[in-house]
Amino acid sequence: MLHVLSYDYVPDILERREPFRPAHLALIREYFEAGRLRLAGAIGEPVRGALIVFSDPDAAADFVLRDPYVLNGLVTAHRIEPWHVVIGA
């Protein structure tokens, strides 16, 4: 089973994220290279949130505590939920 972290962003996320984006992407890379994060990306057009897929719920919870987007008020809400994958690559 995987776990999905979903984010809701502030309306002007594209403008406000720039100072924090390199650190946010570095954190994503860190979790991915450690095998704790499987997929990540923004959702919506225009961007309104993100989905990040983790191997376990503790990884997702730890990520939220360290994410510059959360720490700097760009995330208005988040949820961590189990994802019961039926089929995948």
PDB file of N, CA and C in Angstrom:
ATOM      1  N   MET A   1       0.848  -1.178   0.000  1.00  0.00           N
ATOM      2  CA  MET A   1       0.000   0.000   0.000  1.00  0.00           C
ATOM      3  C   MET A   1       0.894   1.241   0.000  1.00  0.00           C
ATOM      4  N   LEU A   2       0.447   2.247  -0.721  1.00  0.00           N
ATOM      5  CA  LEU A   2       1.133   3.532  -0.763  1.00  0.00           C
ATOM      6  C   LEU A   2       0.324   4.559   0.017  1.00  0.00           C
ATOM      7  N   HIS A   3       0.905   5.722   0.208  1.00  0.00           N
ATOM      8  CA  HIS A   3       0.219   6.807   0.913  1.00  0.00           C
ATOM      9  C   HIS A   3       0.365   8.095   0.124  1.00  0.00           C
ATOM     10  N   VAL A   4      -0.751   8.797  -0.028  1.00  0.00           N
ATOM     11  CA  VAL A   4      -0.782  10.025  -0.827  1.00  0.00           C
ATOM     12  C   VAL A   4      -0.875  11.220   0.103  1.00  0.00           C
ATOM     13  N   LEU A   5       0.032  12.147  -0.121  1.00  0.00           N
ATOM     14  CA  LEU A   5      -0.019  13.451   0.541  1.00  0.00           C
ATOM     15  C   LEU A   5      -0.589  14.417  -0.480  1.00  0.00           C
ATOM     16  N   SER A   6      -1.692  15.050  -0.146  1.00  0.00           N
ATOM     17  CA  SER A   6      -2.269  16.054  -1.047  1.00  0.00           C
ATOM     18  C   SER A   6      -2.167  17.417  -0.387  1.00  0.00           C
ATOM     19  N   TYR A   7      -1.819  18.390  -1.205  1.00  0.00           N
ATOM     20  CA  TYR A   7      -1.685  19.775  -0.768  1.00  0.00           C
ATOM     21  C   TYR A   7      -2.714  20.633  -1.470  1.00  0.00           C
ATOM     22  N   ASP A   8      -3.243  21.607  -0.767  1.00  0.00           N
ATOM     23  CA  ASP A   8      -3.978  22.726  -1.349  1.00  0.00           C
ATOM     24  C   ASP A   8      -3.066  23.932  -1.212  1.00  0.00           C
ATOM     25  N   TYR A   9      -2.896  24.683  -2.298  1.00  0.00           N
ATOM     26  CA  TYR A   9      -1.997  25.829  -2.308  1.00  0.00           C
ATOM     27  C   TYR A   9      -2.740  27.154  -2.225  1.00  0.00           C
ATOM     28  N   VAL A  10      -2.004  28.186  -1.839  1.00  0.00           N
ATOM     29  CA  VAL A  10      -2.516  29.551  -1.914  1.00  0.00           C
ATOM     30  C   VAL A  10      -2.796  29.871  -3.387  1.00  0.00           C
ATOM     31  N   PRO A  11      -3.738  30.788  -3.662  1.00  0.00           N
ATOM     32  CA  PRO A  11      -4.085  31.079  -5.057  1.00  0.00           C
ATOM     33  C   PRO A  11      -2.919  31.574  -5.915  1.00  0.00           C
ATOM     34  N   ASP A  12      -1.983  32.313  -5.341  1.00  0.00           N
ATOM     35  CA  ASP A  12      -0.859  32.865  -6.110  1.00  0.00           C
ATOM     36  C   ASP A  12       0.420  32.056  -5.912  1.00  0.00           C
ATOM     37  N   ILE A  13       0.284  30.740  -5.881  1.00  0.00           N
ATOM     38  CA  ILE A  13       1.409  29.853  -5.599  1.00  0.00           C
ATOM     39  C   ILE A  13       2.563  30.046  -6.575  1.00  0.00           C
ATOM     40  N   LEU A  14       2.283  30.220  -7.854  1.00  0.00           N
ATOM     41  CA  LEU A  14       3.365  30.304  -8.834  1.00  0.00           C
ATOM     42  C   LEU A  14       4.277  31.503  -8.579  1.00  0.00           C
ATOM     43  N   GLU A  15       3.713  32.595  -8.106  1.00  0.00           N
ATOM     44  CA  GLU A  15       4.506  33.776  -7.802  1.00  0.00           C
ATOM     45  C   GLU A  15       5.232  33.632  -6.467  1.00  0.00           C
ATOM     46  N   ARG A  16       4.565  33.074  -5.491  1.00  0.00           N
ATOM     47  CA  ARG A  16       5.102  33.030  -4.126  1.00  0.00           C
ATOM     48  C   ARG A  16       6.078  31.881  -3.875  1.00  0.00           C
ATOM     49  N   ARG A  17       6.062  30.859  -4.722  1.00  0.00           N
ATOM     50  CA  ARG A  17       6.897  29.686  -4.452  1.00  0.00           C
ATOM     51  C   ARG A  17       8.367  29.879  -4.823  1.00  0.00           C
ATOM     52  N   GLU A  18       8.678  30.826  -5.684  1.00  0.00           N
ATOM     53  CA  GLU A  18      10.027  30.942  -6.245  1.00  0.00           C
ATOM     54  C   GLU A  18      11.155  30.929  -5.210  1.00  0.00           C
ATOM     55  N   PRO A  19      11.087  31.700  -4.113  1.00  0.00           N
ATOM     56  CA  PRO A  19      12.203  31.682  -3.168  1.00  0.00           C
ATOM     57  C   PRO A  19      12.394  30.325  -2.465  1.00  0.00           C
ATOM     58  N   PHE A  20      11.328  29.515  -2.426  1.00  0.00           N
ATOM     59  CA  PHE A  20      11.343  28.263  -1.675  1.00  0.00           C
ATOM     60  C   PHE A  20      11.431  27.027  -2.566  1.00  0.00           C
ATOM     61  N   ARG A  21      11.302  27.215  -3.869  1.00  0.00           N
ATOM     62  CA  ARG A  21      11.244  26.089  -4.807  1.00  0.00           C
ATOM     63  C   ARG A  21      12.513  25.229  -4.803  1.00  0.00           C
ATOM     64  N   PRO A  22      13.720  25.800  -4.843  1.00  0.00           N
ATOM     65  CA  PRO A  22      14.903  24.929  -4.829  1.00  0.00           C
ATOM     66  C   PRO A  22      14.973  24.019  -3.599  1.00  0.00           C
ATOM     67  N   ALA A  23      14.648  24.538  -2.435  1.00  0.00           N
ATOM     68  CA  ALA A  23      14.678  23.717  -1.216  1.00  0.00           C
ATOM     69  C   ALA A  23      13.559  22.675  -1.232  1.00  0.00           C
ATOM     70  N   HIS A  24      12.398  23.033  -1.745  1.00  0.00           N
ATOM     71  CA  HIS A  24      11.274  22.103  -1.860  1.00  0.00           C
ATOM     72  C   HIS A  24      11.652  20.939  -2.785  1.00  0.00           C
ATOM     73  N   LEU A  25      12.226  21.255  -3.949  1.00  0.00           N
ATOM     74  CA  LEU A  25      12.620  20.218  -4.900  1.00  0.00           C
ATOM     75  C   LEU A  25      13.764  19.366  -4.357  1.00  0.00           C
ATOM     76  N   ALA A  26      14.671  19.967  -3.600  1.00  0.00           N
ATOM     77  CA  ALA A  26      15.759  19.202  -2.978  1.00  0.00           C
ATOM     78  C   ALA A  26      15.200  18.201  -1.972  1.00  0.00           C
ATOM     79  N   LEU A  27      14.188  18.604  -1.228  1.00  0.00           N
ATOM     80  CA  LEU A  27      13.564  17.699  -0.263  1.00  0.00           C
ATOM     81  C   LEU A  27      12.874  16.544  -0.984  1.00  0.00           C
ATOM     82  N   ILE A  28      12.192  16.843  -2.075  1.00  0.00           N
ATOM     83  CA  ILE A  28      11.566  15.791  -2.885  1.00  0.00           C
ATOM     84  C   ILE A  28      12.634  14.808  -3.367  1.00  0.00           C
ATOM     85  N   ARG A  29      13.737  15.320  -3.880  1.00  0.00           N
ATOM     86  CA  ARG A  29      14.828  14.463  -4.354  1.00  0.00           C
ATOM     87  C   ARG A  29      15.396  13.592  -3.229  1.00  0.00           C
ATOM     88  N   GLU A  30      15.564  14.194  -2.055  1.00  0.00           N
ATOM     89  CA  GLU A  30      16.087  13.453  -0.904  1.00  0.00           C
ATOM     90  C   GLU A  30      15.217  12.241  -0.575  1.00  0.00           C
ATOM     91  N   TYR A  31      13.904  12.447  -0.504  1.00  0.00           N
ATOM     92  CA  TYR A  31      12.986  11.358  -0.178  1.00  0.00           C
ATOM     93  C   TYR A  31      12.917  10.332  -1.311  1.00  0.00           C
ATOM     94  N   PHE A  32      12.987  10.803  -2.555  1.00  0.00           N
ATOM     95  CA  PHE A  32      12.951   9.903  -3.702  1.00  0.00           C
ATOM     96  C   PHE A  32      14.196   9.010  -3.718  1.00  0.00           C
ATOM     97  N   GLU A  33      15.357   9.616  -3.547  1.00  0.00           N
ATOM     98  CA  GLU A  33      16.604   8.854  -3.579  1.00  0.00           C
ATOM     99  C   GLU A  33      16.711   7.866  -2.413  1.00  0.00           C
ATOM    100  N   ALA A  34      16.042   8.162  -1.316  1.00  0.00           N
ATOM    101  CA  ALA A  34      16.006   7.247  -0.169  1.00  0.00           C
ATOM    102  C   ALA A  34      14.959   6.142  -0.344  1.00  0.00           C
ATOM    103  N   GLY A  35      14.196   6.197  -1.433  1.00  0.00           N
ATOM    104  CA  GLY A  35      13.172   5.194  -1.684  1.00  0.00           C
ATOM    105  C   GLY A  35      11.891   5.391  -0.905  1.00  0.00           C
ATOM    106  N   ARG A  36      11.715   6.564  -0.325  1.00  0.00           N
ATOM    107  CA  ARG A  36      10.530   6.831   0.497  1.00  0.00           C
ATOM    108  C   ARG A  36       9.427   7.547  -0.276  1.00  0.00           C
ATOM    109  N   LEU A  37       9.764   8.170  -1.395  1.00  0.00           N
ATOM    110  CA  LEU A  37       8.817   8.926  -2.216  1.00  0.00           C
ATOM    111  C   LEU A  37       8.821   8.308  -3.605  1.00  0.00           C
ATOM    112  N   ARG A  38       7.634   8.094  -4.168  1.00  0.00           N
ATOM    113  CA  ARG A  38       7.508   7.428  -5.467  1.00  0.00           C
ATOM    114  C   ARG A  38       7.210   8.394  -6.615  1.00  0.00           C
ATOM    115  N   LEU A  39       6.282   9.327  -6.400  1.00  0.00           N
ATOM    116  CA  LEU A  39       5.845  10.271  -7.432  1.00  0.00           C
ATOM    117  C   LEU A  39       5.521  11.599  -6.778  1.00  0.00           C
ATOM    118  N   ALA A  40       5.675  12.679  -7.537  1.00  0.00           N
ATOM    119  CA  ALA A  40       5.309  13.995  -7.001  1.00  0.00           C
ATOM    120  C   ALA A  40       5.014  14.932  -8.150  1.00  0.00           C
ATOM    121  N   GLY A  41       4.041  15.809  -7.950  1.00  0.00           N
ATOM    122  CA  GLY A  41       3.753  16.808  -8.968  1.00  0.00           C
ATOM    123  C   GLY A  41       2.592  17.693  -8.608  1.00  0.00           C
ATOM    124  N   ALA A  42       2.574  18.846  -9.258  1.00  0.00           N
ATOM    125  CA  ALA A  42       1.491  19.815  -9.078  1.00  0.00           C
ATOM    126  C   ALA A  42       0.252  19.342  -9.828  1.00  0.00           C
ATOM    127  N   ILE A  43      -0.913  19.789  -9.358  1.00  0.00           N
ATOM    128  CA  ILE A  43      -2.171  19.458 -10.038  1.00  0.00           C
ATOM    129  C   ILE A  43      -2.942  20.739 -10.321  1.00  0.00           C
ATOM    130  N   GLY A  44      -3.732  20.665 -11.383  1.00  0.00           N
ATOM    131  CA  GLY A  44      -4.603  21.778 -11.747  1.00  0.00           C
ATOM    132  C   GLY A  44      -3.994  22.670 -12.807  1.00  0.00           C
ATOM    133  N   GLU A  45      -4.873  23.369 -13.483  1.00  0.00           N
ATOM    134  CA  GLU A  45      -4.484  24.353 -14.485  1.00  0.00           C
ATOM    135  C   GLU A  45      -5.449  25.515 -14.375  1.00  0.00           C
ATOM    136  N   PRO A  46      -5.125  26.554 -13.663  1.00  0.00           N
ATOM    137  CA  PRO A  46      -3.826  26.830 -13.055  1.00  0.00           C
ATOM    138  C   PRO A  46      -3.561  25.925 -11.843  1.00  0.00           C
ATOM    139  N   VAL A  47      -2.301  25.868 -11.443  1.00  0.00           N
ATOM    140  CA  VAL A  47      -1.890  25.025 -10.328  1.00  0.00           C
ATOM    141  C   VAL A  47      -2.657  25.414  -9.076  1.00  0.00           C
ATOM    142  N   ARG A  48      -3.244  24.411  -8.407  1.00  0.00           N
ATOM    143  CA  ARG A  48      -4.008  24.660  -7.185  1.00  0.00           C
ATOM    144  C   ARG A  48      -3.602  23.755  -6.030  1.00  0.00           C
ATOM    145  N   GLY A  49      -2.721  22.777  -6.335  1.00  0.00           N
ATOM    146  CA  GLY A  49      -2.295  21.860  -5.293  1.00  0.00           C
ATOM    147  C   GLY A  49      -1.244  20.906  -5.807  1.00  0.00           C
ATOM    148  N   ALA A  50      -0.989  19.864  -5.032  1.00  0.00           N
ATOM    149  CA  ALA A  50      -0.002  18.859  -5.415  1.00  0.00           C
ATOM    150  C   ALA A  50      -0.385  17.513  -4.838  1.00  0.00           C
ATOM    151  N   LEU A  51       0.107  16.467  -5.480  1.00  0.00           N
ATOM    152  CA  LEU A  51      -0.010  15.104  -4.977  1.00  0.00           C
ATOM    153  C   LEU A  51       1.387  14.525  -4.897  1.00  0.00           C
ATOM    154  N   ILE A  52       1.704  13.931  -3.757  1.00  0.00           N
ATOM    155  CA  ILE A  52       3.005  13.316  -3.543  1.00  0.00           C
ATOM    156  C   ILE A  52       2.746  11.930  -2.968  1.00  0.00           C
ATOM    157  N   VAL A  53       3.300  10.912  -3.605  1.00  0.00           N
ATOM    158  CA  VAL A  53       3.048   9.523  -3.231  1.00  0.00           C
ATOM    159  C   VAL A  53       4.257   8.980  -2.472  1.00  0.00           C
ATOM    160  N   PHE A  54       3.995   8.443  -1.303  1.00  0.00           N
ATOM    161  CA  PHE A  54       5.035   7.922  -0.420  1.00  0.00           C
ATOM    162  C   PHE A  54       4.865   6.427  -0.193  1.00  0.00           C
ATOM    163  N   SER A  55       5.962   5.800   0.221  1.00  0.00           N
ATOM    164  CA  SER A  55       5.949   4.373   0.536  1.00  0.00           C
ATOM    165  C   SER A  55       5.287   4.080   1.877  1.00  0.00           C
ATOM    166  N   ASP A  56       5.328   5.060   2.787  1.00  0.00           N
ATOM    167  CA  ASP A  56       4.725   4.833   4.108  1.00  0.00           C
ATOM    168  C   ASP A  56       4.224   6.159   4.687  1.00  0.00           C
ATOM    169  N   PRO A  57       3.275   6.089   5.609  1.00  0.00           N
ATOM    170  CA  PRO A  57       2.681   7.316   6.142  1.00  0.00           C
ATOM    171  C   PRO A  57       3.658   8.143   6.973  1.00  0.00           C
ATOM    172  N   ASP A  58       4.627   7.497   7.620  1.00  0.00           N
ATOM    173  CA  ASP A  58       5.601   8.246   8.411  1.00  0.00           C
ATOM    174  C   ASP A  58       6.462   9.138   7.524  1.00  0.00           C
ATOM    175  N   ALA A  59       6.813   8.640   6.346  1.00  0.00           N
ATOM    176  CA  ALA A  59       7.590   9.449   5.405  1.00  0.00           C
ATOM    177  C   ALA A  59       6.801  10.683   4.993  1.00  0.00           C
ATOM    178  N   ALA A  60       5.519  10.509   4.735  1.00  0.00           N
ATOM    179  CA  ALA A  60       4.672  11.640   4.345  1.00  0.00           C
ATOM    180  C   ALA A  60       4.576  12.657   5.481  1.00  0.00           C
ATOM    181  N   ALA A  61       4.365  12.182   6.685  1.00  0.00           N
ATOM    182  CA  ALA A  61       4.247  13.082   7.839  1.00  0.00           C
ATOM    183  C   ALA A  61       5.551  13.828   8.099  1.00  0.00           C
ATOM    184  N   ASP A  62       6.676  13.151   7.987  1.00  0.00           N
ATOM    185  CA  ASP A  62       7.981  13.791   8.161  1.00  0.00           C
ATOM    186  C   ASP A  62       8.210  14.852   7.092  1.00  0.00           C
ATOM    187  N   PHE A  63       7.830  14.526   5.859  1.00  0.00           N
ATOM    188  CA  PHE A  63       7.996  15.453   4.743  1.00  0.00           C
ATOM    189  C   PHE A  63       7.255  16.759   5.010  1.00  0.00           C
ATOM    190  N   VAL A  64       6.024  16.662   5.461  1.00  0.00           N
ATOM    191  CA  VAL A  64       5.216  17.860   5.751  1.00  0.00           C
ATOM    192  C   VAL A  64       5.921  18.747   6.779  1.00  0.00           C
ATOM    193  N   LEU A  65       6.493  18.143   7.792  1.00  0.00           N
ATOM    194  CA  LEU A  65       7.168  18.914   8.845  1.00  0.00           C
ATOM    195  C   LEU A  65       8.408  19.644   8.344  1.00  0.00           C
ATOM    196  N   ARG A  66       8.983  19.196   7.241  1.00  0.00           N
ATOM    197  CA  ARG A  66      10.221  19.777   6.714  1.00  0.00           C
ATOM    198  C   ARG A  66      10.019  20.611   5.454  1.00  0.00           C
ATOM    199  N   ASP A  67       8.879  20.520   4.812  1.00  0.00           N
ATOM    200  CA  ASP A  67       8.674  21.149   3.500  1.00  0.00           C
ATOM    201  C   ASP A  67       8.647  22.680   3.593  1.00  0.00           C
ATOM    202  N   PRO A  68       9.520  23.361   2.861  1.00  0.00           N
ATOM    203  CA  PRO A  68       9.527  24.826   2.869  1.00  0.00           C
ATOM    204  C   PRO A  68       8.197  25.448   2.436  1.00  0.00           C
ATOM    205  N   TYR A  69       7.457  24.774   1.578  1.00  0.00           N
ATOM    206  CA  TYR A  69       6.152  25.302   1.166  1.00  0.00           C
ATOM    207  C   TYR A  69       5.194  25.352   2.363  1.00  0.00           C
ATOM    208  N   VAL A  70       5.220  24.328   3.187  1.00  0.00           N
ATOM    209  CA  VAL A  70       4.374  24.302   4.386  1.00  0.00           C
ATOM    210  C   VAL A  70       4.884  25.322   5.402  1.00  0.00           C
ATOM    211  N   LEU A  71       6.180  25.306   5.651  1.00  0.00           N
ATOM    212  CA  LEU A  71       6.778  26.172   6.666  1.00  0.00           C
ATOM    213  C   LEU A  71       6.615  27.656   6.355  1.00  0.00           C
ATOM    214  N   ASN A  72       6.429  27.987   5.078  1.00  0.00           N
ATOM    215  CA  ASN A  72       6.302  29.388   4.677  1.00  0.00           C
ATOM    216  C   ASN A  72       4.898  29.781   4.239  1.00  0.00           C
ATOM    217  N   GLY A  73       3.902  28.984   4.621  1.00  0.00           N
ATOM    218  CA  GLY A  73       2.507  29.358   4.438  1.00  0.00           C
ATOM    219  C   GLY A  73       1.955  29.237   3.032  1.00  0.00           C
ATOM    220  N   LEU A  74       2.589  28.465   2.156  1.00  0.00           N
ATOM    221  CA  LEU A  74       2.082  28.299   0.794  1.00  0.00           C
ATOM    222  C   LEU A  74       1.053  27.179   0.684  1.00  0.00           C
ATOM    223  N   VAL A  75       1.017  26.317   1.685  1.00  0.00           N
ATOM    224  CA  VAL A  75       0.070  25.202   1.728  1.00  0.00           C
ATOM    225  C   VAL A  75      -1.044  25.571   2.707  1.00  0.00           C
ATOM    226  N   THR A  76      -2.275  25.611   2.200  1.00  0.00           N
ATOM    227  CA  THR A  76      -3.409  25.996   3.050  1.00  0.00           C
ATOM    228  C   THR A  76      -4.045  24.806   3.753  1.00  0.00           C
ATOM    229  N   ALA A  77      -3.834  23.603   3.200  1.00  0.00           N
ATOM    230  CA  ALA A  77      -4.359  22.380   3.818  1.00  0.00           C
ATOM    231  C   ALA A  77      -3.600  21.196   3.239  1.00  0.00           C
ATOM    232  N   HIS A  78      -3.522  20.134   4.029  1.00  0.00           N
ATOM    233  CA  HIS A  78      -2.916  18.910   3.520  1.00  0.00           C
ATOM    234  C   HIS A  78      -3.618  17.711   4.143  1.00  0.00           C
ATOM    235  N   ARG A  79      -3.525  16.587   3.430  1.00  0.00           N
ATOM    236  CA  ARG A  79      -4.093  15.336   3.891  1.00  0.00           C
ATOM    237  C   ARG A  79      -3.129  14.206   3.553  1.00  0.00           C
ATOM    238  N   ILE A  80      -3.030  13.226   4.428  1.00  0.00           N
ATOM    239  CA  ILE A  80      -2.271  12.007   4.156  1.00  0.00           C
ATOM    240  C   ILE A  80      -3.268  10.859   4.214  1.00  0.00           C
ATOM    241  N   GLU A  81      -3.375  10.130   3.101  1.00  0.00           N
ATOM    242  CA  GLU A  81      -4.357   9.059   3.024  1.00  0.00           C
ATOM    243  C   GLU A  81      -3.743   7.811   2.401  1.00  0.00           C
ATOM    244  N   PRO A  82      -4.170   6.633   2.842  1.00  0.00           N
ATOM    245  CA  PRO A  82      -3.702   5.414   2.186  1.00  0.00           C
ATOM    246  C   PRO A  82      -4.259   5.331   0.773  1.00  0.00           C
ATOM    247  N   TRP A  83      -3.466   4.769  -0.109  1.00  0.00           N
ATOM    248  CA  TRP A  83      -3.878   4.587  -1.517  1.00  0.00           C
ATOM    249  C   TRP A  83      -3.792   3.105  -1.817  1.00  0.00           C
ATOM    250  N   HIS A  84      -4.930   2.517  -2.031  1.00  0.00           N
ATOM    251  CA  HIS A  84      -5.030   1.085  -2.305  1.00  0.00           C
ATOM    252  C   HIS A  84      -4.921   0.888  -3.822  1.00  0.00           C
ATOM    253  N   VAL A  85      -3.703   0.744  -4.294  1.00  0.00           N
ATOM    254  CA  VAL A  85      -3.432   0.646  -5.722  1.00  0.00           C
ATOM    255  C   VAL A  85      -3.904  -0.716  -6.241  1.00  0.00           C
ATOM    256  N   VAL A  86      -4.656  -0.689  -7.323  1.00  0.00           N
ATOM    257  CA  VAL A  86      -5.163  -1.920  -7.916  1.00  0.00           C
ATOM    258  C   VAL A  86      -4.189  -2.424  -8.993  1.00  0.00           C
ATOM    259  N   ILE A  87      -3.636  -1.515  -9.775  1.00  0.00           N
ATOM    260  CA  ILE A  87      -2.691  -1.887 -10.822  1.00  0.00           C
ATOM    261  C   ILE A  87      -1.756  -0.707 -11.062  1.00  0.00           C
ATOM    262  N   GLY A  88      -0.540  -0.997 -11.447  1.00  0.00           N
ATOM    263  CA  GLY A  88       0.409   0.069 -11.721  1.00  0.00           C
ATOM    264  C   GLY A  88       1.703  -0.479 -12.271  1.00  0.00           C
ATOM    265  N   ALA A  89       2.541   0.425 -12.675  1.00  0.00           N
ATOM    266  CA  ALA A  89       3.831   0.032 -13.254  1.00  0.00           C
ATOM    267  C   ALA A  89       4.852  -0.183 -12.157  1.00  0.00           C
TER     268      ALA A  89
END
